[in-house]
C-alpha cells in the first residue's frame, strides 16, 4: 500500500497568486517588468512552489 500525498493547497494558492502578480507586472509592449527586482523575487518563490508541488516524496 502506497502512502500518497495530494497537492498542498497552501502552495497551490501561493503559486497562483505569484503567477498572477508576475503576469500583471510584465509589460508586453516593451517586454520588460515594471519592477525587475521584485519580479526576480516573485519568480524565485514561484519556481520553488512549483518544484515542491511537483516533487514526489521518496519511498522509505
PDB file of N, CA and C in Angstrom:
ATOM      1  N   UNK A   1       0.841  -1.179   0.000  1.00  0.00           N
ATOM      2  CA  UNK A   1       0.000   0.000   0.000  1.00  0.00           C
ATOM      3  C   UNK A   1       0.887   1.244   0.000  1.00  0.00           C
ATOM      4  N   UNK A   2       0.615   2.155  -0.905  1.00  0.00           N
ATOM      5  CA  UNK A   2       1.413   3.353  -1.026  1.00  0.00           C
ATOM      6  C   UNK A   2       0.817   4.471  -0.187  1.00  0.00           C
ATOM      7  N   UNK A   3       1.718   5.301   0.312  1.00  0.00           N
ATOM      8  CA  UNK A   3       1.294   6.480   1.065  1.00  0.00           C
ATOM      9  C   UNK A   3       1.313   7.671   0.113  1.00  0.00           C
ATOM     10  N   UNK A   4       0.170   7.980  -0.513  1.00  0.00           N
ATOM     11  CA  UNK A   4       0.097   9.064  -1.481  1.00  0.00           C
ATOM     12  C   UNK A   4      -0.283  10.362  -0.772  1.00  0.00           C
ATOM     13  N   UNK A   5       0.410  11.410  -1.159  1.00  0.00           N
ATOM     14  CA  UNK A   5       0.081  12.737  -0.651  1.00  0.00           C
ATOM     15  C   UNK A   5      -0.459  13.563  -1.802  1.00  0.00           C
ATOM     16  N   UNK A   6      -1.489  14.321  -1.540  1.00  0.00           N
ATOM     17  CA  UNK A   6      -2.065  15.172  -2.571  1.00  0.00           C
ATOM     18  C   UNK A   6      -1.322  16.487  -2.670  1.00  0.00           C
ATOM     19  N   UNK A   7      -1.821  17.356  -3.518  1.00  0.00           N
ATOM     20  CA  UNK A   7      -1.222  18.669  -3.666  1.00  0.00           C
ATOM     21  C   UNK A   7      -1.478  19.502  -2.424  1.00  0.00           C
ATOM     22  N   UNK A   8      -0.494  20.288  -2.054  1.00  0.00           N
ATOM     23  CA  UNK A   8      -0.646  21.176  -0.916  1.00  0.00           C
ATOM     24  C   UNK A   8      -1.474  22.391  -1.340  1.00  0.00           C
ATOM     25  N   UNK A   9      -2.616  22.608  -0.714  1.00  0.00           N
ATOM     26  CA  UNK A   9      -3.455  23.736  -1.126  1.00  0.00           C
ATOM     27  C   UNK A   9      -2.795  25.088  -0.850  1.00  0.00           C
ATOM     28  N   UNK A  10      -1.977  25.158   0.183  1.00  0.00           N
ATOM     29  CA  UNK A  10      -1.309  26.425   0.503  1.00  0.00           C
ATOM     30  C   UNK A  10      -0.304  26.778  -0.592  1.00  0.00           C
ATOM     31  N   UNK A  11       0.517  25.808  -0.992  1.00  0.00           N
ATOM     32  CA  UNK A  11       1.491  26.065  -2.055  1.00  0.00           C
ATOM     33  C   UNK A  11       0.801  26.358  -3.382  1.00  0.00           C
ATOM     34  N   UNK A  12      -0.313  25.714  -3.622  1.00  0.00           N
ATOM     35  CA  UNK A  12      -1.061  25.950  -4.853  1.00  0.00           C
ATOM     36  C   UNK A  12      -1.602  27.382  -4.894  1.00  0.00           C
ATOM     37  N   UNK A  13      -2.136  27.859  -3.796  1.00  0.00           N
ATOM     38  CA  UNK A  13      -2.658  29.230  -3.727  1.00  0.00           C
ATOM     39  C   UNK A  13      -1.533  30.244  -3.877  1.00  0.00           C
ATOM     40  N   UNK A  14      -0.391  29.992  -3.218  1.00  0.00           N
ATOM     41  CA  UNK A  14       0.756  30.899  -3.332  1.00  0.00           C
ATOM     42  C   UNK A  14       1.258  30.943  -4.769  1.00  0.00           C
ATOM     43  N   UNK A  15       1.326  29.797  -5.432  1.00  0.00           N
ATOM     44  CA  UNK A  15       1.789  29.755  -6.817  1.00  0.00           C
ATOM     45  C   UNK A  15       0.834  30.510  -7.741  1.00  0.00           C
ATOM     46  N   UNK A  16      -0.448  30.396  -7.531  1.00  0.00           N
ATOM     47  CA  UNK A  16      -1.429  31.107  -8.360  1.00  0.00           C
ATOM     48  C   UNK A  16      -1.309  32.618  -8.158  1.00  0.00           C
ATOM     49  N   UNK A  17      -1.170  33.050  -6.915  1.00  0.00           N
ATOM     50  CA  UNK A  17      -1.055  34.483  -6.626  1.00  0.00           C
ATOM     51  C   UNK A  17       0.231  35.053  -7.221  1.00  0.00           C
ATOM     52  N   UNK A  18       1.341  34.332  -7.069  1.00  0.00           N
ATOM     53  CA  UNK A  18       2.606  34.825  -7.611  1.00  0.00           C
ATOM     54  C   UNK A  18       2.595  34.835  -9.139  1.00  0.00           C
ATOM     55  N   UNK A  19       1.994  33.829  -9.747  1.00  0.00           N
ATOM     56  CA  UNK A  19       1.886  33.813 -11.200  1.00  0.00           C
ATOM     57  C   UNK A  19       1.068  34.985 -11.717  1.00  0.00           C
ATOM     58  N   UNK A  20      -0.014  35.283 -11.034  1.00  0.00           N
ATOM     59  CA  UNK A  20      -0.846  36.418 -11.437  1.00  0.00           C
ATOM     60  C   UNK A  20      -0.099  37.741 -11.250  1.00  0.00           C
ATOM     61  N   UNK A  21       0.656  37.863 -10.172  1.00  0.00           N
ATOM     62  CA  UNK A  21       1.425  39.087  -9.929  1.00  0.00           C
ATOM     63  C   UNK A  21       2.505  39.271 -10.989  1.00  0.00           C
ATOM     64  N   UNK A  22       3.174  38.188 -11.355  1.00  0.00           N
ATOM     65  CA  UNK A  22       4.181  38.280 -12.417  1.00  0.00           C
ATOM     66  C   UNK A  22       3.545  38.670 -13.748  1.00  0.00           C
ATOM     67  N   UNK A  23       2.398  38.118 -14.038  1.00  0.00           N
ATOM     68  CA  UNK A  23       1.698  38.435 -15.289  1.00  0.00           C
ATOM     69  C   UNK A  23       1.286  39.906 -15.333  1.00  0.00           C
ATOM     70  N   UNK A  24       0.803  40.434 -14.196  1.00  0.00           N
ATOM     71  CA  UNK A  24       0.359  41.827 -14.157  1.00  0.00           C
ATOM     72  C   UNK A  24       1.530  42.796 -14.278  1.00  0.00           C
ATOM     73  N   UNK A  25       2.690  42.428 -13.739  1.00  0.00           N
ATOM     74  CA  UNK A  25       3.836  43.338 -13.764  1.00  0.00           C
ATOM     75  C   UNK A  25       4.550  43.359 -15.112  1.00  0.00           C
ATOM     76  N   UNK A  26       4.316  42.373 -15.955  1.00  0.00           N
ATOM     77  CA  UNK A  26       5.032  42.300 -17.225  1.00  0.00           C
ATOM     78  C   UNK A  26       4.406  43.237 -18.243  1.00  0.00           C
ATOM     79  N   UNK A  27       5.252  44.068 -18.879  1.00  0.00           N
ATOM     80  CA  UNK A  27       4.810  44.992 -19.911  1.00  0.00           C
ATOM     81  C   UNK A  27       5.041  44.325 -21.267  1.00  0.00           C
ATOM     82  N   UNK A  28       3.966  43.936 -21.932  1.00  0.00           N
ATOM     83  CA  UNK A  28       4.068  43.185 -23.177  1.00  0.00           C
ATOM     84  C   UNK A  28       4.466  44.057 -24.372  1.00  0.00           C
ATOM     85  N   UNK A  29       4.330  45.358 -24.266  1.00  0.00           N
ATOM     86  CA  UNK A  29       4.737  46.236 -25.362  1.00  0.00           C
ATOM     87  C   UNK A  29       6.257  46.378 -25.425  1.00  0.00           C
ATOM     88  N   UNK A  30       6.895  46.457 -24.254  1.00  0.00           N
ATOM     89  CA  UNK A  30       8.343  46.643 -24.205  1.00  0.00           C
ATOM     90  C   UNK A  30       9.083  45.391 -23.741  1.00  0.00           C
ATOM     91  N   UNK A  31       8.352  44.349 -23.400  1.00  0.00           N
ATOM     92  CA  UNK A  31       8.909  43.085 -22.916  1.00  0.00           C
ATOM     93  C   UNK A  31       9.847  43.296 -21.720  1.00  0.00           C
ATOM     94  N   UNK A  32       9.357  44.061 -20.752  1.00  0.00           N
ATOM     95  CA  UNK A  32      10.100  44.334 -19.524  1.00  0.00           C
ATOM     96  C   UNK A  32       9.150  44.251 -18.346  1.00  0.00           C
ATOM     97  N   UNK A  33       9.733  44.041 -17.167  1.00  0.00           N
ATOM     98  CA  UNK A  33       8.957  44.098 -15.939  1.00  0.00           C
ATOM     99  C   UNK A  33       8.975  45.525 -15.420  1.00  0.00           C
ATOM    100  N   UNK A  34       7.878  45.945 -14.768  1.00  0.00           N
ATOM    101  CA  UNK A  34       7.817  47.286 -14.207  1.00  0.00           C
ATOM    102  C   UNK A  34       8.815  47.435 -13.064  1.00  0.00           C
ATOM    103  N   UNK A  35       8.908  46.424 -12.210  1.00  0.00           N
ATOM    104  CA  UNK A  35       9.847  46.419 -11.086  1.00  0.00           C
ATOM    105  C   UNK A  35      10.683  45.146 -11.185  1.00  0.00           C
ATOM    106  N   UNK A  36      11.852  45.214 -11.826  1.00  0.00           N
ATOM    107  CA  UNK A  36      12.630  43.999 -12.087  1.00  0.00           C
ATOM    108  C   UNK A  36      13.109  43.283 -10.829  1.00  0.00           C
ATOM    109  N   UNK A  37      13.490  44.012  -9.799  1.00  0.00           N
ATOM    110  CA  UNK A  37      13.985  43.366  -8.573  1.00  0.00           C
ATOM    111  C   UNK A  37      12.873  42.567  -7.895  1.00  0.00           C
ATOM    112  N   UNK A  38      11.695  43.132  -7.829  1.00  0.00           N
ATOM    113  CA  UNK A  38      10.564  42.436  -7.224  1.00  0.00           C
ATOM    114  C   UNK A  38      10.137  41.245  -8.075  1.00  0.00           C
ATOM    115  N   UNK A  39      10.249  41.379  -9.381  1.00  0.00           N
ATOM    116  CA  UNK A  39       9.900  40.279 -10.279  1.00  0.00           C
ATOM    117  C   UNK A  39      10.843  39.097 -10.089  1.00  0.00           C
ATOM    118  N   UNK A  40      12.116  39.363  -9.814  1.00  0.00           N
ATOM    119  CA  UNK A  40      13.074  38.279  -9.568  1.00  0.00           C
ATOM    120  C   UNK A  40      12.707  37.521  -8.307  1.00  0.00           C
ATOM    121  N   UNK A  41      12.346  38.241  -7.265  1.00  0.00           N
ATOM    122  CA  UNK A  41      11.937  37.594  -6.009  1.00  0.00           C
ATOM    123  C   UNK A  41      10.675  36.766  -6.237  1.00  0.00           C
ATOM    124  N   UNK A  42       9.693  37.335  -6.933  1.00  0.00           N
ATOM    125  CA  UNK A  42       8.468  36.598  -7.234  1.00  0.00           C
ATOM    126  C   UNK A  42       8.771  35.337  -8.029  1.00  0.00           C
ATOM    127  N   UNK A  43       9.652  35.443  -9.008  1.00  0.00           N
ATOM    128  CA  UNK A  43       9.975  34.308  -9.862  1.00  0.00           C
ATOM    129  C   UNK A  43      10.675  33.194  -9.085  1.00  0.00           C
ATOM    130  N   UNK A  44      11.585  33.551  -8.189  1.00  0.00           N
ATOM    131  CA  UNK A  44      12.290  32.545  -7.385  1.00  0.00           C
ATOM    132  C   UNK A  44      11.310  31.787  -6.494  1.00  0.00           C
ATOM    133  N   UNK A  45      10.420  32.510  -5.840  1.00  0.00           N
ATOM    134  CA  UNK A  45       9.441  31.863  -4.959  1.00  0.00           C
ATOM    135  C   UNK A  45       8.437  31.055  -5.775  1.00  0.00           C
ATOM    136  N   UNK A  46       8.038  31.558  -6.941  1.00  0.00           N
ATOM    137  CA  UNK A  46       7.112  30.841  -7.813  1.00  0.00           C
ATOM    138  C   UNK A  46       7.706  29.514  -8.275  1.00  0.00           C
ATOM    139  N   UNK A  47       8.951  29.529  -8.707  1.00  0.00           N
ATOM    140  CA  UNK A  47       9.612  28.299  -9.149  1.00  0.00           C
ATOM    141  C   UNK A  47       9.770  27.331  -7.983  1.00  0.00           C
ATOM    142  N   UNK A  48      10.074  27.849  -6.797  1.00  0.00           N
ATOM    143  CA  UNK A  48      10.172  26.990  -5.615  1.00  0.00           C
ATOM    144  C   UNK A  48       8.852  26.321  -5.276  1.00  0.00           C
ATOM    145  N   UNK A  49       7.764  27.068  -5.365  1.00  0.00           N
ATOM    146  CA  UNK A  49       6.437  26.491  -5.100  1.00  0.00           C
ATOM    147  C   UNK A  49       6.100  25.400  -6.106  1.00  0.00           C
ATOM    148  N   UNK A  50       6.365  25.662  -7.365  1.00  0.00           N
ATOM    149  CA  UNK A  50       6.091  24.666  -8.405  1.00  0.00           C
ATOM    150  C   UNK A  50       6.957  23.422  -8.181  1.00  0.00           C
ATOM    151  N   UNK A  51       8.215  23.619  -7.798  1.00  0.00           N
ATOM    152  CA  UNK A  51       9.106  22.487  -7.547  1.00  0.00           C
ATOM    153  C   UNK A  51       8.558  21.605  -6.422  1.00  0.00           C
ATOM    154  N   UNK A  52       8.138  22.212  -5.321  1.00  0.00           N
ATOM    155  CA  UNK A  52       7.636  21.426  -4.202  1.00  0.00           C
ATOM    156  C   UNK A  52       6.265  20.808  -4.486  1.00  0.00           C
ATOM    157  N   UNK A  53       5.499  21.402  -5.387  1.00  0.00           N
ATOM    158  CA  UNK A  53       4.224  20.804  -5.761  1.00  0.00           C
ATOM    159  C   UNK A  53       4.433  19.573  -6.642  1.00  0.00           C
ATOM    160  N   UNK A  54       5.446  19.606  -7.497  1.00  0.00           N
ATOM    161  CA  UNK A  54       5.672  18.528  -8.443  1.00  0.00           C
ATOM    162  C   UNK A  54       6.537  17.419  -7.848  1.00  0.00           C
ATOM    163  N   UNK A  55       7.408  17.771  -6.914  1.00  0.00           N
ATOM    164  CA  UNK A  55       8.345  16.813  -6.337  1.00  0.00           C
ATOM    165  C   UNK A  55       7.602  15.636  -5.671  1.00  0.00           C
ATOM    166  N   UNK A  56       8.084  14.454  -5.941  1.00  0.00           N
ATOM    167  CA  UNK A  56       7.491  13.254  -5.358  1.00  0.00           C
ATOM    168  C   UNK A  56       8.252  12.875  -4.084  1.00  0.00           C
ATOM    169  N   UNK A  57       7.556  12.466  -3.053  1.00  0.00           N
ATOM    170  CA  UNK A  57       8.264  12.032  -1.834  1.00  0.00           C
ATOM    171  C   UNK A  57       9.007  10.718  -2.068  1.00  0.00           C
ATOM    172  N   UNK A  58      10.151  10.579  -1.405  1.00  0.00           N
ATOM    173  CA  UNK A  58      10.949   9.365  -1.557  1.00  0.00           C
ATOM    174  C   UNK A  58      10.319   8.212  -0.770  1.00  0.00           C
ATOM    175  N   UNK A  59      10.446   7.004  -1.316  1.00  0.00           N
ATOM    176  CA  UNK A  59       9.964   5.825  -0.604  1.00  0.00           C
ATOM    177  C   UNK A  59      10.977   5.431   0.448  1.00  0.00           C
ATOM    178  N   UNK A  60      10.493   5.026   1.595  1.00  0.00           N
ATOM    179  CA  UNK A  60      11.386   4.599   2.668  1.00  0.00           C
ATOM    180  C   UNK A  60      11.185   3.145   2.983  1.00  0.00           C
TER     181      UNK A  60
END
